[in-house]
Amino acid sequence: MINNNQVENQLRAFGMSNVLLIEDLLQLQKKQGIDLGIVTSENEEITENYYPQFGIAIRNDAHKMSIYYDLFYCLERTVREIVSQTLSQSVNDAEDWWNLTNIPENIKNDVENRIQREKDSGVTIRSENELDYTTFGELSTIISSNWTLFGSIFSSKKAVEKVMNSLNTLRGPIAHCSMLADDEIIRLKLTIRDWFRLME
């Protein structure tokens, strides 16, 4: 017959095993860059301490829009990665590709001003990479200005400009916390498909 001490020990061992398992899964999630759906203490803190202060309708809208923010975040980071890799591989000094490639002067000046504004504000700067300070529209201009390099990646310069322009328009409501209309959700999905089709 099992006594209370044995039950208590078994429960303690079970709890400890779960704690260790969750810790292992969190490490795996972080190391492999995959989402296993493990809620971190930071997520719990935000959920418990911050969300309750907002109305349920706003929280529901935020939840609906989060998938489109995630989608656009992945797309924009991918575009920046393609631009950065392509331009850095085109020069001898990959570290200084920003100054050694054909970036229009007005974009360089605007980027320099944005970096300085961020430094002057006293916040942690977002990046050491100038490309992270370009707008989505400027990324399109950089691609067009260096078409001799990007022409081997994309099928058509005009199509890239058209798709990037459409994505830039769709980005507005997402970046400025507005709801996307149903038609615009469809348009976003189709435009992202168009983007990847350009690289086929």
N, C-alpha and C. Protein backbone atom coordinates (compact mmCIF):
# COMPACT_ATOMS: atom_id res chain seq x y z
N MET A 1 0.84 -1.19 0.00
CA MET A 1 0.00 0.00 0.00
C MET A 1 0.88 1.25 0.00
N ILE A 2 0.52 2.23 -0.82
CA ILE A 2 1.30 3.46 -0.94
C ILE A 2 0.91 4.42 0.17
N ASN A 3 1.91 4.93 0.89
CA ASN A 3 1.60 5.89 1.95
C ASN A 3 1.70 7.32 1.40
N ASN A 4 1.34 8.29 2.26
CA ASN A 4 1.30 9.70 1.85
C ASN A 4 2.67 10.22 1.42
N ASN A 5 3.72 9.78 2.09
CA ASN A 5 5.06 10.22 1.74
C ASN A 5 5.44 9.76 0.34
N GLN A 6 5.08 8.52 0.01
CA GLN A 6 5.40 8.02 -1.33
C GLN A 6 4.64 8.80 -2.41
N VAL A 7 3.36 9.08 -2.15
CA VAL A 7 2.55 9.86 -3.10
C VAL A 7 3.17 11.24 -3.28
N GLU A 8 3.54 11.86 -2.16
CA GLU A 8 4.14 13.19 -2.21
C GLU A 8 5.45 13.18 -3.00
N ASN A 9 6.26 12.17 -2.77
CA ASN A 9 7.53 12.05 -3.50
C ASN A 9 7.30 11.84 -5.00
N GLN A 10 6.30 11.01 -5.32
CA GLN A 10 6.00 10.76 -6.73
C GLN A 10 5.49 12.03 -7.42
N LEU A 11 4.64 12.79 -6.73
CA LEU A 11 4.14 14.04 -7.28
C LEU A 11 5.27 15.05 -7.47
N ARG A 12 6.17 15.11 -6.49
CA ARG A 12 7.31 16.02 -6.57
C ARG A 12 8.20 15.64 -7.77
N ALA A 13 8.44 14.33 -7.92
CA ALA A 13 9.27 13.85 -9.03
C ALA A 13 8.60 14.15 -10.38
N PHE A 14 7.27 13.93 -10.41
CA PHE A 14 6.52 14.22 -11.63
C PHE A 14 6.61 15.70 -11.99
N GLY A 15 6.41 16.57 -11.00
CA GLY A 15 6.50 18.02 -11.21
C GLY A 15 7.88 18.42 -11.68
N MET A 16 8.91 17.85 -11.04
CA MET A 16 10.29 18.18 -11.41
C MET A 16 10.58 17.73 -12.84
N SER A 17 10.09 16.55 -13.20
CA SER A 17 10.29 16.05 -14.57
C SER A 17 9.66 17.00 -15.58
N ASN A 18 8.46 17.50 -15.26
CA ASN A 18 7.79 18.44 -16.17
C ASN A 18 8.55 19.75 -16.30
N VAL A 19 9.08 20.26 -15.18
CA VAL A 19 9.86 21.49 -15.21
C VAL A 19 11.09 21.30 -16.11
N LEU A 20 11.79 20.18 -15.93
CA LEU A 20 12.98 19.91 -16.74
C LEU A 20 12.62 19.73 -18.22
N LEU A 21 11.51 19.05 -18.47
CA LEU A 21 11.06 18.84 -19.85
C LEU A 21 10.74 20.17 -20.52
N ILE A 22 10.01 21.04 -19.82
CA ILE A 22 9.67 22.35 -20.38
C ILE A 22 10.93 23.16 -20.65
N GLU A 23 11.89 23.10 -19.72
CA GLU A 23 13.15 23.82 -19.90
C GLU A 23 13.89 23.30 -21.13
N ASP A 24 13.92 21.97 -21.31
CA ASP A 24 14.56 21.38 -22.49
C ASP A 24 13.86 21.82 -23.78
N LEU A 25 12.53 21.85 -23.75
CA LEU A 25 11.77 22.25 -24.93
C LEU A 25 12.00 23.73 -25.25
N LEU A 26 12.08 24.57 -24.22
CA LEU A 26 12.37 25.99 -24.43
C LEU A 26 13.74 26.18 -25.07
N GLN A 27 14.73 25.41 -24.60
CA GLN A 27 16.07 25.49 -25.16
C GLN A 27 16.07 25.04 -26.62
N LEU A 28 15.35 23.95 -26.90
CA LEU A 28 15.24 23.44 -28.28
C LEU A 28 14.56 24.48 -29.17
N GLN A 29 13.48 25.07 -28.67
CA GLN A 29 12.74 26.10 -29.41
C GLN A 29 13.66 27.26 -29.76
N LYS A 30 14.46 27.70 -28.79
CA LYS A 30 15.36 28.83 -29.00
C LYS A 30 16.51 28.46 -29.94
N LYS A 31 17.13 27.31 -29.70
CA LYS A 31 18.29 26.88 -30.48
C LYS A 31 17.95 26.62 -31.94
N GLN A 32 16.81 25.96 -32.17
CA GLN A 32 16.43 25.59 -33.53
C GLN A 32 15.61 26.66 -34.24
N GLY A 33 15.19 27.69 -33.48
CA GLY A 33 14.39 28.76 -34.09
C GLY A 33 13.03 28.28 -34.55
N ILE A 34 12.44 27.37 -33.78
CA ILE A 34 11.12 26.86 -34.13
C ILE A 34 10.14 27.20 -33.02
N ASP A 35 8.87 27.23 -33.36
CA ASP A 35 7.83 27.55 -32.38
C ASP A 35 7.12 26.26 -31.98
N LEU A 36 7.37 25.83 -30.76
CA LEU A 36 6.72 24.62 -30.25
C LEU A 36 5.48 24.96 -29.43
N GLY A 37 5.13 26.24 -29.40
CA GLY A 37 3.96 26.66 -28.65
C GLY A 37 4.19 26.72 -27.16
N ILE A 38 5.45 26.72 -26.75
CA ILE A 38 5.76 26.80 -25.32
C ILE A 38 5.65 28.25 -24.89
N VAL A 39 4.79 28.53 -23.93
CA VAL A 39 4.60 29.89 -23.45
C VAL A 39 5.69 30.22 -22.45
N THR A 40 6.40 31.31 -22.70
CA THR A 40 7.48 31.71 -21.80
C THR A 40 6.93 32.58 -20.68
N SER A 41 7.74 32.78 -19.66
CA SER A 41 7.31 33.61 -18.54
C SER A 41 7.07 35.04 -19.01
N GLU A 42 7.82 35.48 -20.02
CA GLU A 42 7.61 36.83 -20.56
C GLU A 42 6.23 36.95 -21.19
N ASN A 43 5.83 35.91 -21.97
CA ASN A 43 4.49 35.91 -22.56
C ASN A 43 3.43 35.92 -21.47
N GLU A 44 3.65 35.12 -20.43
CA GLU A 44 2.69 35.07 -19.32
C GLU A 44 2.57 36.43 -18.65
N GLU A 45 3.72 37.09 -18.46
CA GLU A 45 3.71 38.40 -17.80
C GLU A 45 2.90 39.40 -18.61
N ILE A 46 3.12 39.42 -19.93
CA ILE A 46 2.38 40.35 -20.78
C ILE A 46 0.89 40.01 -20.76
N THR A 47 0.58 38.71 -20.88
CA THR A 47 -0.82 38.29 -20.89
C THR A 47 -1.52 38.66 -19.59
N GLU A 48 -0.85 38.45 -18.47
CA GLU A 48 -1.47 38.70 -17.17
C GLU A 48 -1.46 40.16 -16.76
N ASN A 49 -0.39 40.90 -17.08
CA ASN A 49 -0.22 42.25 -16.54
C ASN A 49 -0.58 43.38 -17.50
N TYR A 50 -0.59 43.11 -18.81
CA TYR A 50 -0.81 44.19 -19.75
C TYR A 50 -2.12 44.06 -20.54
N TYR A 51 -2.38 42.88 -21.09
CA TYR A 51 -3.59 42.70 -21.90
C TYR A 51 -4.89 43.06 -21.16
N PRO A 52 -5.04 42.68 -19.89
CA PRO A 52 -6.31 42.99 -19.22
C PRO A 52 -6.66 44.47 -19.17
N GLN A 53 -5.68 45.35 -19.39
CA GLN A 53 -5.95 46.78 -19.34
C GLN A 53 -6.62 47.29 -20.62
N PHE A 54 -6.64 46.46 -21.67
CA PHE A 54 -7.23 46.86 -22.94
C PHE A 54 -8.59 46.20 -23.12
N GLY A 55 -9.46 46.86 -23.88
CA GLY A 55 -10.79 46.31 -24.13
C GLY A 55 -10.74 45.03 -24.93
N ILE A 56 -11.74 44.20 -24.74
CA ILE A 56 -11.78 42.89 -25.40
C ILE A 56 -11.85 43.03 -26.93
N ALA A 57 -12.56 44.05 -27.43
CA ALA A 57 -12.68 44.24 -28.89
C ALA A 57 -11.31 44.55 -29.49
N ILE A 58 -10.53 45.40 -28.83
CA ILE A 58 -9.20 45.74 -29.33
C ILE A 58 -8.29 44.52 -29.27
N ARG A 59 -8.38 43.74 -28.20
CA ARG A 59 -7.55 42.54 -28.08
C ARG A 59 -7.91 41.53 -29.17
N ASN A 60 -9.19 41.40 -29.47
CA ASN A 60 -9.62 40.48 -30.53
C ASN A 60 -9.10 40.94 -31.89
N ASP A 61 -9.18 42.26 -32.15
CA ASP A 61 -8.66 42.80 -33.41
C ASP A 61 -7.15 42.57 -33.51
N ALA A 62 -6.44 42.79 -32.39
CA ALA A 62 -4.99 42.59 -32.38
C ALA A 62 -4.65 41.14 -32.71
N HIS A 63 -5.42 40.22 -32.13
CA HIS A 63 -5.19 38.80 -32.39
C HIS A 63 -5.41 38.49 -33.88
N LYS A 64 -6.48 39.04 -34.47
CA LYS A 64 -6.75 38.81 -35.89
C LYS A 64 -5.63 39.36 -36.77
N MET A 65 -5.12 40.55 -36.41
CA MET A 65 -4.11 41.21 -37.23
C MET A 65 -2.71 40.65 -37.02
N SER A 66 -2.49 39.95 -35.91
CA SER A 66 -1.13 39.48 -35.60
C SER A 66 -0.58 38.56 -36.68
N ILE A 67 -1.42 37.76 -37.30
CA ILE A 67 -0.96 36.83 -38.33
C ILE A 67 -0.44 37.61 -39.55
N TYR A 68 -1.10 38.73 -39.88
CA TYR A 68 -0.67 39.52 -41.04
C TYR A 68 0.59 40.32 -40.72
N TYR A 69 0.72 40.74 -39.46
CA TYR A 69 1.97 41.38 -39.04
C TYR A 69 3.12 40.38 -39.16
N ASP A 70 2.90 39.16 -38.64
CA ASP A 70 3.94 38.12 -38.72
C ASP A 70 4.32 37.84 -40.17
N LEU A 71 3.32 37.72 -41.01
CA LEU A 71 3.54 37.44 -42.43
C LEU A 71 4.36 38.55 -43.07
N PHE A 72 3.98 39.80 -42.81
CA PHE A 72 4.70 40.91 -43.43
C PHE A 72 6.09 41.07 -42.83
N TYR A 73 6.22 40.80 -41.56
CA TYR A 73 7.55 40.86 -40.93
C TYR A 73 8.50 39.88 -41.63
N CYS A 74 8.03 38.65 -41.83
CA CYS A 74 8.86 37.63 -42.50
C CYS A 74 9.21 38.07 -43.92
N LEU A 75 8.22 38.60 -44.64
CA LEU A 75 8.46 39.03 -46.01
C LEU A 75 9.48 40.17 -46.05
N GLU A 76 9.27 41.19 -45.23
CA GLU A 76 10.17 42.35 -45.27
C GLU A 76 11.59 41.97 -44.86
N ARG A 77 11.73 41.11 -43.85
CA ARG A 77 13.07 40.66 -43.45
C ARG A 77 13.72 39.87 -44.58
N THR A 78 12.92 39.08 -45.31
CA THR A 78 13.44 38.30 -46.44
C THR A 78 13.92 39.22 -47.55
N VAL A 79 13.14 40.26 -47.87
CA VAL A 79 13.54 41.21 -48.90
C VAL A 79 14.85 41.88 -48.50
N ARG A 80 14.95 42.33 -47.24
CA ARG A 80 16.18 42.98 -46.77
C ARG A 80 17.38 42.02 -46.87
N GLU A 81 17.13 40.76 -46.54
CA GLU A 81 18.20 39.75 -46.60
C GLU A 81 18.68 39.56 -48.04
N ILE A 82 17.74 39.49 -48.99
CA ILE A 82 18.10 39.31 -50.40
C ILE A 82 18.92 40.51 -50.88
N VAL A 83 18.47 41.72 -50.53
CA VAL A 83 19.18 42.94 -50.95
C VAL A 83 20.58 42.96 -50.34
N SER A 84 20.67 42.70 -49.05
CA SER A 84 21.95 42.74 -48.35
C SER A 84 22.93 41.71 -48.92
N GLN A 85 22.48 40.47 -49.07
CA GLN A 85 23.36 39.41 -49.57
C GLN A 85 23.82 39.68 -51.00
N THR A 86 22.89 40.13 -51.83
CA THR A 86 23.22 40.37 -53.24
C THR A 86 24.23 41.49 -53.38
N LEU A 87 24.02 42.59 -52.66
CA LEU A 87 24.93 43.73 -52.78
C LEU A 87 26.28 43.45 -52.11
N SER A 88 26.27 42.77 -50.97
CA SER A 88 27.54 42.51 -50.29
C SER A 88 28.41 41.54 -51.09
N GLN A 89 27.78 40.62 -51.84
CA GLN A 89 28.54 39.67 -52.65
C GLN A 89 29.08 40.29 -53.94
N SER A 90 28.61 41.51 -54.24
CA SER A 90 29.01 42.14 -55.50
C SER A 90 30.28 42.98 -55.37
N VAL A 91 30.78 43.15 -54.14
CA VAL A 91 31.97 44.00 -53.93
C VAL A 91 33.04 43.21 -53.18
N ASN A 92 34.28 43.71 -53.25
CA ASN A 92 35.39 43.03 -52.57
C ASN A 92 35.29 43.13 -51.06
N ASP A 93 34.83 44.27 -50.56
CA ASP A 93 34.72 44.49 -49.12
C ASP A 93 33.26 44.36 -48.71
N ALA A 94 32.85 43.13 -48.39
CA ALA A 94 31.45 42.86 -48.06
C ALA A 94 30.97 43.64 -46.85
N GLU A 95 31.88 44.02 -45.95
CA GLU A 95 31.51 44.77 -44.75
C GLU A 95 31.05 46.18 -45.10
N ASP A 96 31.56 46.73 -46.20
CA ASP A 96 31.30 48.13 -46.55
C ASP A 96 30.44 48.25 -47.81
N TRP A 97 29.61 47.25 -48.08
CA TRP A 97 28.83 47.26 -49.32
C TRP A 97 27.90 48.47 -49.41
N TRP A 98 27.43 48.99 -48.29
CA TRP A 98 26.52 50.14 -48.30
C TRP A 98 27.16 51.34 -49.01
N ASN A 99 28.46 51.53 -48.79
CA ASN A 99 29.17 52.66 -49.39
C ASN A 99 29.77 52.33 -50.76
N LEU A 100 29.88 51.06 -51.07
CA LEU A 100 30.56 50.66 -52.30
C LEU A 100 29.62 50.27 -53.44
N THR A 101 28.33 50.24 -53.17
CA THR A 101 27.38 49.85 -54.22
C THR A 101 26.52 51.06 -54.60
N ASN A 102 25.66 50.84 -55.58
CA ASN A 102 24.87 51.94 -56.15
C ASN A 102 23.61 52.21 -55.33
N ILE A 103 23.79 52.76 -54.12
CA ILE A 103 22.66 53.20 -53.31
C ILE A 103 22.44 54.68 -53.62
N PRO A 104 21.25 55.08 -54.07
CA PRO A 104 21.02 56.49 -54.38
C PRO A 104 21.35 57.40 -53.19
N GLU A 105 21.96 58.55 -53.48
CA GLU A 105 22.42 59.47 -52.43
C GLU A 105 21.28 59.94 -51.53
N ASN A 106 20.10 60.19 -52.11
CA ASN A 106 19.00 60.67 -51.27
C ASN A 106 18.59 59.61 -50.23
N ILE A 107 18.69 58.32 -50.60
CA ILE A 107 18.38 57.26 -49.64
C ILE A 107 19.45 57.21 -48.56
N LYS A 108 20.72 57.32 -48.96
CA LYS A 108 21.81 57.34 -47.97
C LYS A 108 21.63 58.49 -46.98
N ASN A 109 21.28 59.67 -47.50
CA ASN A 109 21.09 60.84 -46.63
C ASN A 109 19.92 60.64 -45.68
N ASP A 110 18.80 60.11 -46.21
CA ASP A 110 17.62 59.88 -45.36
C ASP A 110 17.93 58.85 -44.27
N VAL A 111 18.65 57.80 -44.63
CA VAL A 111 19.04 56.77 -43.67
C VAL A 111 19.94 57.37 -42.58
N GLU A 112 20.90 58.18 -43.01
CA GLU A 112 21.81 58.82 -42.05
C GLU A 112 21.02 59.68 -41.05
N ASN A 113 20.02 60.42 -41.56
CA ASN A 113 19.19 61.26 -40.69
C ASN A 113 18.36 60.42 -39.72
N ARG A 114 17.82 59.30 -40.21
CA ARG A 114 17.03 58.43 -39.32
C ARG A 114 17.89 57.84 -38.21
N ILE A 115 19.10 57.42 -38.57
CA ILE A 115 20.01 56.86 -37.56
C ILE A 115 20.35 57.92 -36.52
N GLN A 116 20.64 59.13 -36.98
CA GLN A 116 21.00 60.21 -36.05
C GLN A 116 19.82 60.55 -35.13
N ARG A 117 18.60 60.60 -35.71
CA ARG A 117 17.41 60.87 -34.88
C ARG A 117 17.25 59.82 -33.79
N GLU A 118 17.51 58.57 -34.16
CA GLU A 118 17.38 57.48 -33.19
C GLU A 118 18.44 57.61 -32.09
N LYS A 119 19.66 57.94 -32.49
CA LYS A 119 20.72 58.14 -31.50
C LYS A 119 20.39 59.30 -30.57
N ASP A 120 19.88 60.38 -31.15
CA ASP A 120 19.56 61.58 -30.37
C ASP A 120 18.40 61.35 -29.39
N SER A 121 17.56 60.37 -29.70
CA SER A 121 16.40 60.11 -28.81
C SER A 121 16.80 59.36 -27.54
N GLY A 122 18.00 58.78 -27.55
CA GLY A 122 18.48 58.10 -26.35
C GLY A 122 18.01 56.66 -26.21
N VAL A 123 17.30 56.14 -27.21
CA VAL A 123 16.85 54.74 -27.15
C VAL A 123 17.93 53.85 -27.75
N THR A 124 17.82 52.56 -27.50
CA THR A 124 18.74 51.60 -28.11
C THR A 124 18.50 51.60 -29.61
N ILE A 125 19.57 51.78 -30.40
CA ILE A 125 19.37 51.81 -31.84
C ILE A 125 18.94 50.43 -32.33
N ARG A 126 18.11 50.43 -33.36
CA ARG A 126 17.50 49.17 -33.81
C ARG A 126 18.48 48.23 -34.48
N SER A 127 19.57 48.80 -35.09
CA SER A 127 20.46 47.96 -35.88
C SER A 127 21.76 48.70 -36.17
N GLU A 128 22.78 47.92 -36.49
CA GLU A 128 24.05 48.49 -36.97
C GLU A 128 24.06 48.53 -38.50
N ASN A 129 23.03 47.95 -39.10
CA ASN A 129 22.94 47.81 -40.56
C ASN A 129 22.09 48.94 -41.14
N GLU A 130 22.67 49.76 -42.01
CA GLU A 130 21.94 50.88 -42.60
C GLU A 130 20.68 50.44 -43.33
N LEU A 131 20.72 49.25 -43.92
CA LEU A 131 19.56 48.77 -44.68
C LEU A 131 18.31 48.67 -43.81
N ASP A 132 18.50 48.43 -42.51
CA ASP A 132 17.35 48.32 -41.60
C ASP A 132 16.67 49.66 -41.36
N TYR A 133 17.27 50.74 -41.85
CA TYR A 133 16.68 52.07 -41.70
C TYR A 133 16.02 52.54 -42.99
N THR A 134 16.01 51.70 -44.01
CA THR A 134 15.34 52.07 -45.26
C THR A 134 13.86 51.73 -45.16
N THR A 135 13.05 52.49 -45.90
CA THR A 135 11.63 52.18 -45.98
C THR A 135 11.43 51.06 -47.01
N PHE A 136 10.25 50.50 -47.02
CA PHE A 136 9.96 49.45 -47.99
C PHE A 136 10.05 50.00 -49.42
N GLY A 137 9.57 51.23 -49.61
CA GLY A 137 9.65 51.86 -50.92
C GLY A 137 11.09 52.06 -51.37
N GLU A 138 11.96 52.42 -50.40
CA GLU A 138 13.38 52.60 -50.73
C GLU A 138 14.05 51.29 -51.11
N LEU A 139 13.61 50.19 -50.52
CA LEU A 139 14.14 48.88 -50.90
C LEU A 139 13.88 48.61 -52.38
N SER A 140 12.69 48.98 -52.82
CA SER A 140 12.34 48.80 -54.24
C SER A 140 13.26 49.63 -55.13
N THR A 141 13.54 50.88 -54.72
CA THR A 141 14.43 51.76 -55.48
C THR A 141 15.85 51.19 -55.53
N ILE A 142 16.31 50.62 -54.40
CA ILE A 142 17.65 50.03 -54.37
C ILE A 142 17.75 48.85 -55.33
N ILE A 143 16.71 48.02 -55.36
CA ILE A 143 16.69 46.89 -56.29
C ILE A 143 16.73 47.39 -57.73
N SER A 144 15.88 48.37 -58.04
CA SER A 144 15.83 48.92 -59.41
C SER A 144 17.16 49.56 -59.81
N SER A 145 17.79 50.27 -58.86
CA SER A 145 19.06 50.97 -59.14
C SER A 145 20.22 50.00 -59.36
N ASN A 146 20.04 48.77 -58.92
CA ASN A 146 21.10 47.76 -59.06
C ASN A 146 20.59 46.57 -59.87
N TRP A 147 19.79 46.87 -60.90
CA TRP A 147 19.13 45.81 -61.64
C TRP A 147 20.12 44.85 -62.31
N THR A 148 21.32 45.32 -62.63
CA THR A 148 22.30 44.42 -63.25
C THR A 148 22.62 43.25 -62.31
N LEU A 149 22.49 43.48 -61.00
CA LEU A 149 22.72 42.40 -60.03
C LEU A 149 21.45 41.62 -59.74
N PHE A 150 20.33 42.32 -59.65
CA PHE A 150 19.08 41.66 -59.26
C PHE A 150 18.35 41.02 -60.43
N GLY A 151 18.75 41.37 -61.66
CA GLY A 151 18.10 40.79 -62.83
C GLY A 151 18.27 39.29 -62.93
N SER A 152 19.31 38.77 -62.27
CA SER A 152 19.51 37.31 -62.29
C SER A 152 18.67 36.61 -61.22
N ILE A 153 18.07 37.39 -60.34
CA ILE A 153 17.24 36.82 -59.26
C ILE A 153 15.76 36.91 -59.61
N PHE A 154 15.37 38.07 -60.16
CA PHE A 154 13.96 38.34 -60.45
C PHE A 154 13.71 38.30 -61.95
N SER A 155 12.50 37.95 -62.32
CA SER A 155 12.17 37.76 -63.74
C SER A 155 11.91 39.05 -64.49
N SER A 156 11.48 40.13 -63.80
CA SER A 156 11.12 41.36 -64.50
C SER A 156 11.25 42.56 -63.57
N LYS A 157 11.95 43.58 -64.03
CA LYS A 157 12.13 44.80 -63.23
C LYS A 157 10.78 45.49 -62.99
N LYS A 158 9.98 45.62 -64.04
CA LYS A 158 8.67 46.28 -63.91
C LYS A 158 7.76 45.52 -62.95
N ALA A 159 7.82 44.20 -63.02
CA ALA A 159 6.99 43.39 -62.13
C ALA A 159 7.43 43.56 -60.67
N VAL A 160 8.75 43.62 -60.44
CA VAL A 160 9.25 43.84 -59.08
C VAL A 160 8.75 45.19 -58.56
N GLU A 161 8.85 46.23 -59.39
CA GLU A 161 8.39 47.56 -58.97
C GLU A 161 6.89 47.56 -58.66
N LYS A 162 6.12 46.87 -59.50
CA LYS A 162 4.66 46.81 -59.30
C LYS A 162 4.31 46.06 -58.01
N VAL A 163 4.94 44.91 -57.81
CA VAL A 163 4.65 44.10 -56.62
C VAL A 163 5.11 44.83 -55.36
N MET A 164 6.30 45.43 -55.41
CA MET A 164 6.80 46.17 -54.24
C MET A 164 5.91 47.36 -53.92
N ASN A 165 5.41 48.04 -54.93
CA ASN A 165 4.51 49.16 -54.73
C ASN A 165 3.21 48.70 -54.06
N SER A 166 2.69 47.59 -54.54
CA SER A 166 1.46 47.03 -53.96
C SER A 166 1.69 46.62 -52.51
N LEU A 167 2.82 45.96 -52.25
CA LEU A 167 3.14 45.55 -50.87
C LEU A 167 3.32 46.76 -49.96
N ASN A 168 3.93 47.82 -50.49
CA ASN A 168 4.13 49.02 -49.69
C ASN A 168 2.79 49.63 -49.28
N THR A 169 1.82 49.62 -50.20
CA THR A 169 0.48 50.13 -49.90
C THR A 169 -0.20 49.26 -48.84
N LEU A 170 -0.08 47.94 -49.00
CA LEU A 170 -0.70 47.01 -48.05
C LEU A 170 -0.04 47.06 -46.68
N ARG A 171 1.23 47.44 -46.65
CA ARG A 171 1.98 47.51 -45.40
C ARG A 171 1.42 48.58 -44.45
N GLY A 172 0.88 49.66 -45.02
CA GLY A 172 0.40 50.79 -44.23
C GLY A 172 -0.54 50.41 -43.09
N PRO A 173 -1.67 49.77 -43.38
CA PRO A 173 -2.59 49.41 -42.30
C PRO A 173 -1.98 48.46 -41.26
N ILE A 174 -1.11 47.57 -41.73
CA ILE A 174 -0.47 46.62 -40.81
C ILE A 174 0.49 47.35 -39.88
N ALA A 175 1.33 48.20 -40.45
CA ALA A 175 2.34 48.91 -39.65
C ALA A 175 1.71 49.96 -38.74
N HIS A 176 0.53 50.47 -39.12
CA HIS A 176 -0.09 51.54 -38.35
C HIS A 176 -1.32 51.08 -37.56
N CYS A 177 -1.35 49.77 -37.29
CA CYS A 177 -2.35 49.19 -36.38
C CYS A 177 -3.79 49.47 -36.78
N SER A 178 -4.09 49.28 -38.06
CA SER A 178 -5.47 49.34 -38.54
C SER A 178 -5.87 47.95 -39.01
N MET A 179 -7.16 47.72 -39.05
CA MET A 179 -7.64 46.43 -39.54
C MET A 179 -7.55 46.38 -41.06
N LEU A 180 -7.17 45.24 -41.59
CA LEU A 180 -7.17 45.03 -43.04
C LEU A 180 -8.57 44.59 -43.46
N ALA A 181 -9.10 45.23 -44.49
CA ALA A 181 -10.39 44.81 -45.03
C ALA A 181 -10.23 43.42 -45.66
N ASP A 182 -11.33 42.70 -45.76
CA ASP A 182 -11.29 41.33 -46.31
C ASP A 182 -10.66 41.31 -47.70
N ASP A 183 -11.02 42.28 -48.55
CA ASP A 183 -10.45 42.35 -49.90
C ASP A 183 -8.94 42.55 -49.85
N GLU A 184 -8.48 43.34 -48.88
CA GLU A 184 -7.04 43.62 -48.77
C GLU A 184 -6.28 42.41 -48.24
N ILE A 185 -6.94 41.60 -47.43
CA ILE A 185 -6.32 40.35 -46.97
C ILE A 185 -6.07 39.43 -48.17
N ILE A 186 -7.08 39.33 -49.03
CA ILE A 186 -6.93 38.53 -50.25
C ILE A 186 -5.82 39.11 -51.12
N ARG A 187 -5.81 40.45 -51.26
CA ARG A 187 -4.80 41.13 -52.08
C ARG A 187 -3.39 40.89 -51.51
N LEU A 188 -3.26 40.93 -50.19
CA LEU A 188 -1.97 40.69 -49.55
C LEU A 188 -1.46 39.28 -49.87
N LYS A 189 -2.34 38.30 -49.72
CA LYS A 189 -1.94 36.91 -50.00
C LYS A 189 -1.52 36.74 -51.46
N LEU A 190 -2.30 37.32 -52.36
CA LEU A 190 -1.97 37.20 -53.79
C LEU A 190 -0.67 37.92 -54.13
N THR A 191 -0.46 39.08 -53.51
CA THR A 191 0.75 39.86 -53.80
C THR A 191 1.99 39.15 -53.27
N ILE A 192 1.87 38.50 -52.12
CA ILE A 192 3.01 37.74 -51.60
C ILE A 192 3.31 36.56 -52.52
N ARG A 193 2.26 35.94 -53.04
CA ARG A 193 2.49 34.87 -54.02
C ARG A 193 3.19 35.42 -55.26
N ASP A 194 2.75 36.61 -55.69
CA ASP A 194 3.40 37.25 -56.85
C ASP A 194 4.88 37.49 -56.58
N TRP A 195 5.19 37.92 -55.35
CA TRP A 195 6.59 38.20 -54.99
C TRP A 195 7.45 36.94 -55.18
N PHE A 196 6.98 35.83 -54.64
CA PHE A 196 7.78 34.59 -54.75
C PHE A 196 7.80 34.06 -56.18
N ARG A 197 6.75 34.36 -56.94
CA ARG A 197 6.73 33.93 -58.35
C ARG A 197 7.81 34.68 -59.15
N LEU A 198 8.14 35.91 -58.72
CA LEU A 198 9.17 36.69 -59.41
C LEU A 198 10.54 36.01 -59.36
N MET A 199 10.71 35.13 -58.38
CA MET A 199 12.03 34.48 -58.22
C MET A 199 12.07 33.07 -58.79
N GLU A 200 10.99 32.67 -59.45
CA GLU A 200 10.96 31.32 -60.02
C GLU A 200 11.73 31.26 -61.33
